[in-house]
C-alpha cells in the first residue's frame, strides 16, 4: 500500500505561482511513476504531468512551458511548480502514484486562480 498526501494548494491571482507537493508513505520502495491530475467542476479528471523514477516527464499540452514536475526520490516526494497560472487552471489537483501493478490516489488539494 502507498499513501500519497498532497499539500500546497490555495488561492492565487492570475499570473501567480504555486508549488504542490505529494509525499508518499507506505510501501515506498515499490513506487515507480508519480503524477499530477486535476479535475475542474463539471469536467473529467485529466493528466497534468507525470514523472518516472528515472526522471522522464510527460506534460499536458495546456501546461507545457508553465508547469514543471520534479521529484526527490530520497524523500519520496513529487512536486508540481505552477507558474503563470490562469483561471482555467482552477481545479482540485490529485497525486497519483504507481507501484507495481497498482496505483494510488491522494485526497486532492484545491487550486483556485482568480482573474
Protein backbone atom coordinates (compact mmCIF):
# COMPACT_ATOMS: atom_id res chain seq x y z
CA UNK A 1 0.00 0.00 0.00
CA UNK A 2 1.13 3.52 -0.84
CA UNK A 3 -0.49 6.63 0.59
CA UNK A 4 0.07 9.88 -1.34
CA UNK A 5 -0.67 13.11 0.54
CA UNK A 6 -0.93 16.40 -1.34
CA UNK A 7 -0.24 19.88 0.01
CA UNK A 8 0.39 23.38 -1.27
CA UNK A 9 -2.91 24.33 -2.85
CA UNK A 10 -4.59 27.67 -2.31
CA UNK A 11 -5.92 30.84 -3.85
CA UNK A 12 -3.71 32.85 -6.20
CA UNK A 13 -4.23 35.64 -8.72
CA UNK A 14 -3.82 35.03 -12.41
CA UNK A 15 -0.16 35.18 -13.36
CA UNK A 16 0.93 33.95 -9.95
CA UNK A 17 2.67 30.76 -8.87
CA UNK A 18 2.08 27.83 -6.55
CA UNK A 19 4.05 24.72 -5.72
CA UNK A 20 2.26 21.50 -4.90
CA UNK A 21 3.86 18.64 -3.01
CA UNK A 22 2.94 14.96 -2.92
CA UNK A 23 4.55 12.97 -0.13
CA UNK A 24 4.20 9.21 -0.41
CA UNK A 25 4.29 6.84 2.57
CA UNK A 26 3.79 3.11 2.97
CA UNK A 27 5.41 0.61 0.59
CA UNK A 28 7.54 3.37 -0.84
CA UNK A 29 10.26 1.04 -2.12
CA UNK A 30 7.91 -0.01 -4.89
CA UNK A 31 6.96 3.42 -6.25
CA UNK A 32 7.62 3.98 -9.93
CA UNK A 33 5.80 6.83 -11.67
CA UNK A 34 4.26 9.74 -9.79
CA UNK A 35 1.78 12.02 -11.47
CA UNK A 36 -0.47 15.01 -11.01
CA UNK A 37 -4.05 15.07 -12.27
CA UNK A 38 -6.72 17.72 -11.96
CA UNK A 39 -10.47 17.87 -12.06
CA UNK A 40 -12.43 21.06 -12.59
CA UNK A 41 -16.15 21.28 -11.76
CA UNK A 42 -18.21 19.51 -14.41
CA UNK A 43 -15.14 18.18 -16.20
CA UNK A 44 -13.33 14.86 -16.35
CA UNK A 45 -10.16 14.29 -14.41
CA UNK A 46 -7.15 14.86 -16.65
CA UNK A 47 -3.43 14.24 -16.53
CA UNK A 48 -1.37 17.34 -15.84
CA UNK A 49 2.13 15.90 -15.58
CA UNK A 50 3.92 12.70 -14.65
CA UNK A 51 7.47 11.70 -13.83
CA UNK A 52 9.07 8.26 -13.71
CA UNK A 53 11.56 7.11 -11.10
CA UNK A 54 14.26 7.72 -13.70
CA UNK A 55 13.19 11.32 -14.24
CA UNK A 56 11.36 11.07 -17.56
CA UNK A 57 8.50 13.56 -17.70
CA UNK A 58 5.24 13.99 -19.57
CA UNK A 59 3.01 17.08 -19.65
CA UNK A 60 -0.43 18.03 -20.87
CA UNK A 61 -0.20 20.47 -23.77
CA UNK A 62 -2.15 23.05 -21.77
CA UNK A 63 0.57 23.35 -19.11
CA UNK A 64 3.76 22.92 -21.15
CA UNK A 65 6.14 25.79 -20.52
CA UNK A 66 4.28 26.86 -17.37
CA UNK A 67 4.34 23.83 -15.06
CA UNK A 68 7.33 21.74 -14.01
CA UNK A 69 7.15 18.35 -12.32
CA UNK A 70 10.04 17.07 -10.27
CA UNK A 71 10.68 14.51 -7.55
CA UNK A 72 13.02 13.82 -4.69
CA UNK A 73 13.37 10.04 -4.50
CA UNK A 74 15.14 10.26 -1.14
CA UNK A 75 12.05 11.98 0.31
CA UNK A 76 9.53 10.01 -1.77
CA UNK A 77 8.02 13.32 -2.75
CA UNK A 78 6.90 14.76 -6.07
CA UNK A 79 6.45 18.45 -6.75
CA UNK A 80 4.49 20.48 -9.25
CA UNK A 81 5.75 24.01 -9.76
CA UNK A 82 2.99 26.02 -11.40
CA UNK A 83 3.84 29.40 -12.90
CA UNK A 84 1.84 31.87 -14.97
CA UNK A 85 -1.36 30.45 -13.55
CA UNK A 86 -4.61 31.06 -15.41
CA UNK A 87 -8.21 30.96 -14.18
CA UNK A 88 -8.70 27.81 -16.26
CA UNK A 89 -6.12 26.06 -14.07
CA UNK A 90 -8.65 26.17 -11.23
CA UNK A 91 -9.34 22.60 -10.14
CA UNK A 92 -8.74 20.00 -7.47
CA UNK A 93 -5.27 18.61 -8.04
CA UNK A 94 -4.66 14.95 -7.24
CA UNK A 95 -1.45 13.00 -6.86
CA UNK A 96 -1.36 9.51 -8.31
CA UNK A 97 1.42 7.02 -7.68
CA UNK A 98 2.11 3.73 -9.37
CA UNK A 99 3.68 0.81 -7.53
CA UNK A 100 3.92 -2.44 -9.44
CA UNK A 101 0.52 -3.28 -10.87
CA UNK A 102 -1.34 -0.93 -8.54
CA UNK A 103 -1.98 2.78 -8.47
CA UNK A 104 -2.94 5.00 -5.54
CA UNK A 105 -4.66 8.37 -5.37
CA UNK A 106 -4.36 11.15 -2.85
CA UNK A 107 -7.29 13.11 -1.45
CA UNK A 108 -6.60 16.17 -3.58
CA UNK A 109 -5.78 19.80 -2.96
CA UNK A 110 -7.78 22.77 -4.24
CA UNK A 111 -6.13 25.31 -6.52
CA UNK A 112 -8.14 28.44 -7.29
CA UNK A 113 -6.88 31.09 -9.69
CA UNK A 114 -8.73 34.40 -9.64
CA UNK A 115 -8.87 36.70 -12.66
